[in-house]
Protein backbone atom coordinates (compact mmCIF):
# COMPACT_ATOMS: atom_id res chain seq x y z
CA MET A 1 -22.84 4.28 5.49
CA GLU A 2 -22.69 7.00 2.86
CA LYS A 3 -20.87 6.13 -0.29
CA PHE A 4 -17.51 7.82 -0.79
CA THR A 5 -16.25 8.38 -4.54
CA LEU A 6 -15.19 11.93 -4.98
CA LEU A 7 -14.88 14.75 -2.57
CA ARG A 8 -14.32 18.48 -3.15
CA SER A 9 -14.11 20.53 0.02
CA LYS A 10 -12.58 23.38 1.77
CA ALA A 11 -10.53 22.10 4.92
CA VAL A 12 -9.91 22.93 8.40
CA PRO A 13 -6.17 22.98 9.41
CA LEU A 14 -5.01 21.68 12.71
CA PRO A 15 -1.25 21.73 12.65
CA ILE A 16 -0.84 19.89 16.02
CA GLU A 17 1.32 16.88 16.43
CA ASN A 18 0.39 13.71 18.57
CA VAL A 19 -3.33 14.40 18.83
CA ASP A 20 -4.49 11.65 21.09
CA THR A 21 -8.03 10.22 21.39
CA ASP A 22 -8.67 11.95 24.67
CA GLN A 23 -8.01 15.31 23.10
CA ILE A 24 -10.46 14.26 20.28
CA ILE A 25 -13.32 13.23 22.71
CA PRO A 26 -12.45 13.59 26.34
CA ALA A 27 -13.26 10.56 28.52
CA ARG A 28 -16.01 12.12 30.45
CA PHE A 29 -18.13 12.04 27.42
CA LEU A 30 -18.03 8.29 26.81
CA LYS A 31 -21.07 7.30 28.52
CA ALA A 32 -23.42 7.11 25.58
CA THR A 33 -23.61 4.35 23.23
CA ASN A 34 -25.40 6.12 20.37
CA LYS A 35 -23.11 7.76 17.90
CA ILE A 36 -25.25 10.88 17.57
CA GLY A 37 -24.19 14.05 19.31
CA PHE A 38 -20.48 13.25 19.76
CA GLY A 39 -19.58 15.96 17.42
CA ASN A 40 -20.85 18.50 20.10
CA ASN A 41 -17.84 17.59 22.21
CA LEU A 42 -15.19 17.09 19.58
CA PHE A 43 -11.93 18.68 20.79
CA ARG A 44 -14.17 19.96 23.77
CA ASP A 45 -11.29 21.15 26.11
CA TRP A 46 -9.64 22.94 23.24
CA ARG A 47 -12.90 24.55 21.95
CA TYR A 48 -14.26 25.58 25.27
CA ASN A 49 -12.94 27.20 28.58
CA ASP A 50 -13.97 26.03 32.01
CA LYS A 51 -17.05 28.69 31.85
CA ASN A 52 -18.22 26.66 28.71
CA GLU A 53 -17.33 29.79 26.54
CA GLU A 54 -15.80 29.33 23.12
CA ILE A 55 -12.09 29.77 22.93
CA SER A 56 -11.97 32.22 19.93
CA ASP A 57 -8.41 31.27 18.69
CA PHE A 58 -9.06 27.52 18.41
CA VAL A 59 -9.68 26.54 14.68
CA LEU A 60 -12.99 25.07 14.87
CA ASN A 61 -14.29 28.29 16.37
CA ASP A 62 -12.70 30.46 13.65
CA PRO A 63 -15.42 31.20 11.08
CA LYS A 64 -13.00 31.67 8.22
CA TYR A 65 -12.30 27.77 8.26
CA SER A 66 -14.91 25.20 7.38
CA GLY A 67 -15.32 21.94 5.21
CA SER A 68 -15.29 18.17 5.57
CA VAL A 69 -11.73 17.70 5.71
CA LEU A 70 -9.62 18.12 8.72
CA VAL A 71 -5.77 18.47 7.99
CA ALA A 72 -3.81 17.48 11.03
CA GLY A 73 -0.25 17.33 12.38
CA ASP A 74 1.86 14.06 12.50
CA ASN A 75 0.58 10.96 14.54
CA PHE A 76 -3.08 11.70 14.80
CA GLY A 77 -5.29 9.35 16.91
CA CYS A 78 -2.72 8.21 19.12
CA GLY A 79 -3.57 7.02 22.71
CA SER A 80 -6.48 4.79 23.73
CA SER A 81 -8.52 2.64 21.40
CA ARG A 82 -11.79 4.37 21.83
CA GLU A 83 -14.06 4.36 18.73
CA HIS A 84 -15.77 7.31 19.93
CA ALA A 85 -13.02 9.54 18.53
CA ALA A 86 -14.13 8.37 15.00
CA TRP A 87 -17.77 8.93 16.01
CA ALA A 88 -17.12 12.39 17.26
CA LEU A 89 -15.30 13.44 13.97
CA THR A 90 -17.94 11.86 11.72
CA ASP A 91 -20.65 13.55 13.75
CA TYR A 92 -19.16 16.73 13.56
CA GLY A 93 -19.18 16.54 9.81
CA PHE A 94 -15.66 15.42 8.81
CA LYS A 95 -15.49 12.91 5.94
CA VAL A 96 -11.63 12.93 5.53
CA ILE A 97 -8.65 13.30 8.07
CA VAL A 98 -5.21 14.12 6.44
CA SER A 99 -1.96 13.37 8.48
CA SER A 100 1.47 12.20 7.95
CA TYR A 101 0.96 9.24 10.21
CA PHE A 102 -2.27 7.82 12.05
CA ALA A 103 -2.31 5.39 14.94
CA ASP A 104 -3.28 1.89 13.48
CA ILE A 105 -6.32 1.34 15.88
CA PHE A 106 -7.73 4.99 15.23
CA LYS A 107 -7.38 4.30 11.45
CA GLY A 108 -9.30 1.15 11.68
CA ASN A 109 -11.87 2.74 13.70
CA ALA A 110 -12.18 5.63 11.07
CA LEU A 111 -12.52 3.33 8.21
CA ASN A 112 -15.20 1.28 10.00
CA ASN A 113 -17.24 4.43 10.35
CA GLY A 114 -17.03 5.88 6.93
CA LEU A 115 -14.26 8.29 7.81
CA LEU A 116 -11.28 8.29 5.34
CA PRO A 117 -7.86 8.68 6.98
CA ILE A 118 -5.33 9.74 4.15
CA GLN A 119 -1.68 9.48 5.11
CA VAL A 120 0.50 11.84 3.06
CA SER A 121 4.20 12.58 3.18
CA PRO A 122 5.52 15.12 5.62
CA GLU A 123 6.42 17.54 2.89
CA PHE A 124 3.00 17.35 1.24
CA LEU A 125 1.22 17.79 4.54
CA LYS A 126 3.39 20.92 5.38
CA GLU A 127 2.72 22.49 1.92
CA MET A 128 -1.18 21.73 2.38
CA LEU A 129 -1.26 23.27 5.88
CA GLY A 130 0.43 26.35 4.57
CA ALA A 131 -1.92 26.60 1.58
CA ILE A 132 -5.06 26.33 3.68
CA GLN A 133 -3.89 28.94 6.15
CA SER A 134 -2.86 31.19 3.22
CA ASN A 135 -6.30 30.68 1.61
CA PRO A 136 -9.14 29.21 3.67
CA ASP A 137 -11.47 29.06 0.71
CA MET A 138 -9.07 26.73 -1.19
CA GLU A 139 -10.60 23.52 -2.08
CA ILE A 140 -9.05 19.90 -1.66
CA THR A 141 -10.05 17.21 -4.07
CA VAL A 142 -9.93 13.65 -2.89
CA ASP A 143 -10.68 10.78 -5.44
CA LEU A 144 -10.95 7.63 -3.68
CA GLU A 145 -11.25 5.42 -6.99
CA ALA A 146 -7.94 6.80 -8.13
CA GLN A 147 -6.43 7.04 -4.47
CA THR A 148 -5.28 10.68 -4.92
CA ILE A 149 -5.45 13.91 -3.02
CA ALA A 150 -4.99 17.19 -4.73
CA PHE A 151 -5.07 20.94 -3.91
CA ASN A 152 -3.80 23.87 -6.12
CA ASP A 153 -1.11 22.20 -8.54
CA SER A 154 -0.07 19.55 -5.95
CA LYS A 155 -1.18 16.01 -6.01
CA GLU A 156 -0.18 12.92 -4.07
CA SER A 157 -1.22 9.18 -4.13
CA PHE A 158 -2.35 7.41 -0.95
CA ASP A 159 -2.71 3.89 0.28
CA ILE A 160 -5.85 2.21 1.57
CA ASP A 161 -6.62 -1.47 2.34
CA SER A 162 -8.57 -2.82 -0.70
CA TYR A 163 -11.44 -4.26 1.28
CA LYS A 164 -12.08 -1.03 3.12
CA LYS A 165 -11.81 0.81 -0.31
CA ILE A 166 -14.68 -1.39 -1.62
CA CYS A 167 -16.78 -0.81 1.48
CA LEU A 168 -16.35 3.15 1.21
CA LEU A 169 -17.01 3.22 -2.49
CA ASN A 170 -20.28 1.32 -1.90
CA GLY A 171 -21.27 2.69 1.47
CA TYR A 172 -20.88 -0.76 3.06
CA ASP A 173 -20.28 -1.71 6.60
CA ASP A 174 -18.98 -5.26 7.29
CA ILE A 175 -22.59 -6.73 7.40
CA ASP A 176 -23.58 -4.84 4.18
CA PHE A 177 -20.58 -6.21 2.52
CA LEU A 178 -21.44 -9.95 3.36
CA VAL A 179 -25.14 -9.26 2.35
CA SER A 180 -23.93 -8.03 -1.12
CA LYS A 181 -22.19 -11.44 -1.53
CA LYS A 182 -25.38 -13.41 -0.68
CA ALA A 183 -25.86 -14.71 -4.01
CA GLU A 184 -22.34 -15.96 -4.39
CA ILE A 185 -22.28 -17.49 -1.03
CA GLU A 186 -25.70 -19.35 -1.77
CA GLN A 187 -24.19 -20.53 -5.20
CA PHE A 188 -21.17 -21.79 -3.38
CA GLU A 189 -23.05 -23.68 -0.70
CA LYS A 190 -25.33 -25.14 -3.49
CA ASN A 191 -22.33 -26.48 -5.43
CA ARG A 192 -20.39 -27.71 -2.52
CA THR A 193 -20.18 -31.43 -2.11
CA LEU A 194 -19.95 -32.74 1.37
CA THR A 195 -17.84 -35.86 2.06
CA TYR A 196 -18.28 -37.70 5.15
CA GLU A 197 -15.68 -40.30 6.44
CA PHE A 198 -16.72 -42.86 8.99
């Protein structure tokens, strides 16, 4: 995975609550096992009509919004446990999702795929969404080491599992993390005394 330390980016506002994983990536696109290409069908039924034409008033089709941060409404990622939702968001280019609440399974899937879900207060989220809509060129700053997210003169801290923070900062998946501890594991095994009782 790519290392994540500090991100400065414009953001895409999606002020919709209870966005479930079937809206993020509809079930009919789950046949592939390769993570590549899922971004093409991110929010497919909101982005395109039944004639496969772009729906102009959906935010991902609005050229004034761009960036690697998606700022969503409350309760993002609810519904089924499909990991493909995280695949679609990362394949599209998002690195951070901001909401006032995330479904636990989605949150875990996101972190396992290098996507940082940042849970903020409802008040901070409302202020951020309004600021983006007023100024689409506004940048958001995410400092993972300090665990802060900021825009304009507003800043808020966020929580993250300490193990997942280490993984994101170093670009590790679970296997990479174990490999990084290889020398320590070998030293432990070397120093360990086995006692057998008969």
